[in-house]
N, C-alpha and C. Protein backbone atom coordinates (compact mmCIF):
# COMPACT_ATOMS: atom_id res chain seq x y z
N MET A 1 0.86 -1.18 0.00
CA MET A 1 0.00 0.00 0.00
C MET A 1 0.90 1.24 0.00
N ASN A 2 0.63 2.19 -0.90
CA ASN A 2 1.47 3.39 -0.93
C ASN A 2 1.00 4.40 0.12
N MET A 3 1.83 5.41 0.32
CA MET A 3 1.57 6.38 1.40
C MET A 3 0.28 7.17 1.17
N GLU A 4 -0.04 7.47 -0.07
CA GLU A 4 -1.27 8.21 -0.34
C GLU A 4 -2.49 7.39 0.04
N GLN A 5 -2.46 6.09 -0.24
CA GLN A 5 -3.57 5.21 0.13
C GLN A 5 -3.70 5.12 1.64
N VAL A 6 -2.55 5.03 2.32
CA VAL A 6 -2.57 4.98 3.79
C VAL A 6 -3.20 6.26 4.34
N ALA A 7 -2.78 7.40 3.82
CA ALA A 7 -3.32 8.68 4.30
C ALA A 7 -4.83 8.74 4.08
N GLU A 8 -5.29 8.32 2.93
CA GLU A 8 -6.73 8.33 2.66
C GLU A 8 -7.49 7.41 3.61
N LYS A 9 -6.92 6.24 3.90
CA LYS A 9 -7.57 5.32 4.84
C LYS A 9 -7.64 5.90 6.24
N ILE A 10 -6.58 6.59 6.64
CA ILE A 10 -6.56 7.19 7.98
C ILE A 10 -7.61 8.30 8.06
N LEU A 11 -7.71 9.11 7.04
CA LEU A 11 -8.72 10.17 7.03
C LEU A 11 -10.14 9.62 7.14
N LYS A 12 -10.36 8.41 6.66
CA LYS A 12 -11.69 7.81 6.70
C LYS A 12 -12.01 7.14 8.04
N ILE A 13 -11.02 7.02 8.92
CA ILE A 13 -11.25 6.37 10.21
C ILE A 13 -12.30 7.11 11.02
N SER A 14 -12.20 8.44 11.00
CA SER A 14 -13.12 9.25 11.81
C SER A 14 -13.17 10.66 11.25
N PRO A 15 -14.31 11.32 11.38
CA PRO A 15 -14.37 12.73 10.99
C PRO A 15 -13.48 13.61 11.88
N SER A 16 -13.03 13.05 12.99
CA SER A 16 -12.15 13.78 13.91
C SER A 16 -10.70 13.81 13.45
N VAL A 17 -10.36 13.04 12.42
CA VAL A 17 -9.00 13.10 11.87
C VAL A 17 -8.93 14.36 11.02
N ARG A 18 -7.94 15.19 11.31
CA ARG A 18 -7.82 16.49 10.65
C ARG A 18 -6.85 16.45 9.47
N VAL A 19 -5.62 16.05 9.74
CA VAL A 19 -4.56 16.06 8.73
C VAL A 19 -3.72 14.80 8.87
N VAL A 20 -3.32 14.23 7.74
CA VAL A 20 -2.40 13.10 7.73
C VAL A 20 -1.22 13.50 6.84
N SER A 21 -0.03 13.46 7.41
CA SER A 21 1.18 13.79 6.65
C SER A 21 2.16 12.64 6.75
N VAL A 22 2.94 12.49 5.70
CA VAL A 22 4.03 11.52 5.68
C VAL A 22 5.31 12.34 5.53
N LEU A 23 6.28 12.05 6.37
CA LEU A 23 7.55 12.77 6.29
C LEU A 23 8.69 11.78 6.30
N ASP A 24 9.82 12.19 5.75
CA ASP A 24 10.99 11.33 5.82
C ASP A 24 11.65 11.55 7.18
N LEU A 25 12.69 10.81 7.44
CA LEU A 25 13.31 10.85 8.77
C LEU A 25 14.09 12.13 9.02
N LYS A 26 14.22 12.98 8.00
CA LYS A 26 14.84 14.29 8.18
C LYS A 26 13.80 15.38 8.40
N GLY A 27 12.52 15.00 8.34
CA GLY A 27 11.44 15.95 8.57
C GLY A 27 10.94 16.62 7.31
N ASN A 28 11.36 16.13 6.15
CA ASN A 28 10.87 16.69 4.89
C ASN A 28 9.50 16.10 4.57
N LEU A 29 8.58 16.97 4.20
CA LEU A 29 7.23 16.55 3.87
C LEU A 29 7.24 15.77 2.56
N VAL A 30 6.68 14.56 2.59
CA VAL A 30 6.58 13.72 1.41
C VAL A 30 5.17 13.83 0.82
N PHE A 31 4.19 13.81 1.70
CA PHE A 31 2.79 13.84 1.27
C PHE A 31 1.94 14.33 2.42
N SER A 32 0.90 15.07 2.11
CA SER A 32 -0.03 15.52 3.14
C SER A 32 -1.43 15.64 2.55
N GLU A 33 -2.39 15.22 3.35
CA GLU A 33 -3.79 15.29 2.95
C GLU A 33 -4.58 15.74 4.19
N ARG A 34 -5.56 16.60 3.98
CA ARG A 34 -6.36 17.04 5.12
C ARG A 34 -7.83 16.82 4.84
N SER A 35 -8.56 16.70 5.92
CA SER A 35 -10.01 16.63 5.80
C SER A 35 -10.49 17.97 5.28
N LYS A 36 -11.41 17.92 4.37
CA LYS A 36 -11.93 19.17 3.78
C LYS A 36 -12.79 19.94 4.78
N LYS A 37 -13.16 19.30 5.87
CA LYS A 37 -14.06 19.92 6.85
C LYS A 37 -13.34 20.71 7.94
N VAL A 38 -12.02 20.67 7.95
CA VAL A 38 -11.30 21.32 9.05
C VAL A 38 -10.76 22.68 8.65
N ARG A 39 -10.65 23.52 9.64
CA ARG A 39 -10.01 24.82 9.47
C ARG A 39 -8.57 24.66 9.95
N ILE A 40 -7.64 25.06 9.12
CA ILE A 40 -6.23 24.94 9.47
C ILE A 40 -5.91 25.93 10.60
N LEU A 41 -5.23 25.43 11.63
CA LEU A 41 -4.95 26.25 12.81
C LEU A 41 -3.55 26.84 12.83
N VAL A 42 -2.62 26.25 12.08
CA VAL A 42 -1.24 26.74 12.08
C VAL A 42 -0.83 27.14 10.67
N SER A 43 0.15 28.00 10.59
CA SER A 43 0.65 28.43 9.28
C SER A 43 1.48 27.32 8.65
N LYS A 44 1.71 27.43 7.36
CA LYS A 44 2.54 26.45 6.65
C LYS A 44 3.94 26.41 7.29
N LYS A 45 4.48 27.56 7.63
CA LYS A 45 5.81 27.64 8.26
C LYS A 45 5.82 26.90 9.60
N GLN A 46 4.79 27.12 10.41
CA GLN A 46 4.70 26.44 11.71
C GLN A 46 4.55 24.93 11.51
N SER A 47 3.77 24.54 10.54
CA SER A 47 3.56 23.12 10.26
C SER A 47 4.87 22.44 9.85
N LEU A 48 5.62 23.06 8.95
CA LEU A 48 6.89 22.48 8.50
C LEU A 48 7.90 22.41 9.65
N ALA A 49 7.90 23.42 10.51
CA ALA A 49 8.79 23.41 11.68
C ALA A 49 8.42 22.27 12.62
N SER A 50 7.12 22.03 12.78
CA SER A 50 6.66 20.94 13.64
C SER A 50 7.06 19.58 13.08
N LEU A 51 6.99 19.43 11.75
CA LEU A 51 7.42 18.18 11.12
C LEU A 51 8.91 17.94 11.35
N LYS A 52 9.71 18.98 11.18
CA LYS A 52 11.17 18.87 11.41
C LYS A 52 11.45 18.46 12.86
N ALA A 53 10.75 19.10 13.79
CA ALA A 53 10.95 18.79 15.21
C ALA A 53 10.55 17.35 15.51
N ALA A 54 9.45 16.90 14.92
CA ALA A 54 9.00 15.52 15.14
C ALA A 54 10.04 14.53 14.65
N ALA A 55 10.60 14.76 13.47
CA ALA A 55 11.62 13.86 12.93
C ALA A 55 12.89 13.90 13.79
N ASN A 56 13.26 15.08 14.23
CA ASN A 56 14.45 15.22 15.07
C ASN A 56 14.25 14.47 16.39
N ASN A 57 13.09 14.62 17.00
CA ASN A 57 12.80 13.92 18.26
C ASN A 57 12.75 12.41 18.05
N TRP A 58 12.23 12.00 16.90
CA TRP A 58 12.16 10.57 16.60
C TRP A 58 13.58 9.99 16.51
N SER A 59 14.48 10.72 15.88
CA SER A 59 15.86 10.22 15.75
C SER A 59 16.52 10.11 17.13
N LYS A 60 16.16 10.99 18.04
CA LYS A 60 16.68 10.90 19.41
C LYS A 60 16.14 9.65 20.11
N ARG A 61 14.89 9.32 19.85
CA ARG A 61 14.30 8.12 20.45
C ARG A 61 14.97 6.85 19.91
N LYS A 62 15.38 6.90 18.65
CA LYS A 62 16.04 5.73 18.04
C LYS A 62 17.31 5.35 18.82
N LYS A 63 17.95 6.33 19.42
CA LYS A 63 19.18 6.07 20.17
C LYS A 63 18.91 5.28 21.45
N LEU A 64 17.65 5.23 21.89
CA LEU A 64 17.29 4.48 23.08
C LEU A 64 16.80 3.07 22.76
N GLU A 65 16.75 2.73 21.47
CA GLU A 65 16.18 1.46 21.05
C GLU A 65 16.83 0.24 21.70
N LYS A 66 18.15 0.23 21.79
CA LYS A 66 18.83 -0.93 22.38
C LYS A 66 18.43 -1.13 23.83
N THR A 67 18.18 -0.05 24.52
CA THR A 67 17.84 -0.11 25.93
C THR A 67 16.34 -0.34 26.16
N LEU A 68 15.51 0.42 25.47
CA LEU A 68 14.08 0.41 25.74
C LEU A 68 13.24 -0.36 24.73
N GLY A 69 13.82 -0.66 23.58
CA GLY A 69 13.06 -1.24 22.49
C GLY A 69 12.60 -0.12 21.56
N SER A 70 11.98 -0.48 20.46
CA SER A 70 11.61 0.55 19.49
C SER A 70 10.36 1.30 19.93
N CYS A 71 10.35 2.57 19.59
CA CYS A 71 9.22 3.44 19.90
C CYS A 71 8.06 3.08 18.97
N LYS A 72 6.89 2.89 19.50
CA LYS A 72 5.72 2.51 18.71
C LYS A 72 4.96 3.73 18.20
N TYR A 73 4.81 4.74 19.03
CA TYR A 73 4.15 5.98 18.64
C TYR A 73 4.35 7.01 19.73
N VAL A 74 4.08 8.26 19.38
CA VAL A 74 4.16 9.37 20.32
C VAL A 74 2.89 10.20 20.15
N VAL A 75 2.32 10.64 21.27
CA VAL A 75 1.13 11.48 21.23
C VAL A 75 1.41 12.77 21.99
N ALA A 76 1.06 13.88 21.37
CA ALA A 76 1.08 15.17 22.05
C ALA A 76 -0.36 15.68 22.03
N GLU A 77 -0.87 16.01 23.20
CA GLU A 77 -2.25 16.51 23.27
C GLU A 77 -2.23 17.98 23.64
N TYR A 78 -2.87 18.77 22.82
CA TYR A 78 -3.02 20.20 23.04
C TYR A 78 -4.49 20.47 23.37
N ASP A 79 -4.83 21.69 23.67
CA ASP A 79 -6.23 22.02 23.96
C ASP A 79 -7.13 21.74 22.76
N LYS A 80 -6.64 22.01 21.56
CA LYS A 80 -7.48 21.91 20.37
C LYS A 80 -7.24 20.67 19.51
N VAL A 81 -6.06 20.09 19.59
CA VAL A 81 -5.74 18.94 18.73
C VAL A 81 -4.85 17.94 19.45
N LYS A 82 -4.80 16.73 18.88
CA LYS A 82 -3.81 15.73 19.26
C LYS A 82 -2.93 15.52 18.05
N ARG A 83 -1.67 15.25 18.31
CA ARG A 83 -0.71 14.96 17.27
C ARG A 83 -0.15 13.57 17.54
N ILE A 84 -0.29 12.68 16.58
CA ILE A 84 0.16 11.30 16.73
C ILE A 84 1.26 11.06 15.70
N ILE A 85 2.40 10.60 16.16
CA ILE A 85 3.51 10.31 15.26
C ILE A 85 3.88 8.85 15.43
N MET A 86 3.98 8.14 14.30
CA MET A 86 4.35 6.74 14.34
C MET A 86 5.12 6.38 13.09
N PRO A 87 5.92 5.31 13.16
CA PRO A 87 6.70 4.93 11.98
C PRO A 87 5.80 4.47 10.84
N ALA A 88 6.26 4.75 9.63
CA ALA A 88 5.61 4.27 8.41
C ALA A 88 6.71 3.61 7.59
N GLY A 89 6.93 2.34 7.86
CA GLY A 89 8.05 1.66 7.21
C GLY A 89 9.36 2.04 7.88
N ARG A 90 10.46 1.82 7.18
CA ARG A 90 11.77 2.07 7.78
C ARG A 90 12.25 3.51 7.60
N ASN A 91 11.71 4.20 6.60
CA ASN A 91 12.27 5.50 6.24
C ASN A 91 11.31 6.67 6.34
N HIS A 92 10.12 6.43 6.90
CA HIS A 92 9.13 7.50 6.96
C HIS A 92 8.38 7.49 8.29
N LEU A 93 7.75 8.62 8.56
CA LEU A 93 6.91 8.75 9.74
C LEU A 93 5.53 9.23 9.31
N LEU A 94 4.52 8.75 10.01
CA LEU A 94 3.16 9.27 9.85
C LEU A 94 2.96 10.33 10.91
N TYR A 95 2.38 11.42 10.51
CA TYR A 95 2.12 12.54 11.40
C TYR A 95 0.63 12.84 11.24
N VAL A 96 -0.15 12.48 12.25
CA VAL A 96 -1.61 12.57 12.16
C VAL A 96 -2.09 13.55 13.22
N THR A 97 -2.92 14.49 12.80
CA THR A 97 -3.55 15.37 13.79
C THR A 97 -5.05 15.07 13.81
N THR A 98 -5.60 15.11 15.02
CA THR A 98 -7.01 14.82 15.24
C THR A 98 -7.57 15.87 16.20
N THR A 99 -8.86 15.81 16.40
CA THR A 99 -9.44 16.64 17.46
C THR A 99 -8.89 16.12 18.79
N ALA A 100 -8.87 16.96 19.78
CA ALA A 100 -8.33 16.57 21.08
C ALA A 100 -9.15 15.46 21.74
N SER A 101 -10.43 15.38 21.41
CA SER A 101 -11.30 14.41 22.08
C SER A 101 -11.21 12.99 21.51
N LEU A 102 -10.63 12.83 20.32
CA LEU A 102 -10.57 11.50 19.71
C LEU A 102 -9.63 10.59 20.50
N ASP A 103 -10.04 9.36 20.72
CA ASP A 103 -9.19 8.36 21.37
C ASP A 103 -8.08 7.99 20.39
N HIS A 104 -6.85 8.40 20.69
CA HIS A 104 -5.74 8.16 19.77
C HIS A 104 -5.47 6.66 19.56
N ASN A 105 -5.87 5.84 20.51
CA ASN A 105 -5.67 4.40 20.35
C ASN A 105 -6.44 3.85 19.15
N LYS A 106 -7.55 4.47 18.81
CA LYS A 106 -8.32 4.08 17.65
C LYS A 106 -7.48 4.24 16.38
N ILE A 107 -6.76 5.34 16.28
CA ILE A 107 -5.89 5.59 15.12
C ILE A 107 -4.72 4.61 15.11
N VAL A 108 -4.08 4.45 16.26
CA VAL A 108 -2.92 3.57 16.35
C VAL A 108 -3.29 2.14 15.96
N ARG A 109 -4.38 1.62 16.52
CA ARG A 109 -4.82 0.25 16.19
C ARG A 109 -5.11 0.10 14.71
N LYS A 110 -5.81 1.06 14.14
CA LYS A 110 -6.19 0.98 12.73
C LYS A 110 -4.94 1.03 11.84
N VAL A 111 -4.03 1.92 12.12
CA VAL A 111 -2.81 2.03 11.30
C VAL A 111 -2.00 0.74 11.38
N ARG A 112 -1.91 0.18 12.56
CA ARG A 112 -1.18 -1.10 12.69
C ARG A 112 -1.85 -2.23 11.90
N SER A 113 -3.15 -2.16 11.70
CA SER A 113 -3.85 -3.20 10.96
C SER A 113 -3.59 -3.10 9.46
N PHE A 114 -3.05 -1.97 8.99
CA PHE A 114 -2.78 -1.80 7.57
C PHE A 114 -1.61 -2.66 7.10
N LYS A 115 -0.76 -3.06 8.03
CA LYS A 115 0.47 -3.77 7.65
C LYS A 115 0.23 -5.18 7.23
């Protein structure tokens, strides 16, 4: 399954899914799709900076793999949104934003079922 198909499937999980982005491990945007029903809350510049930070933090977590095992996902919850980051293969990350009220485990379980 290609990344665009994965993004489309994630967007269909719930109307609470706002944006699905795929980035490489350096934080470069590969693909992004958003629900047509959402109002964008951050600027393009802020969004790209957040992707870079997510990739940078992910690489730091990789250094703990021998000790703790591999990181499965990371969730940041804000007042208005949740941000879920998880691996997409060996060379990419999924970056999913949802409403703050959505149970992030629903997204994590569904994405894991795609494999």
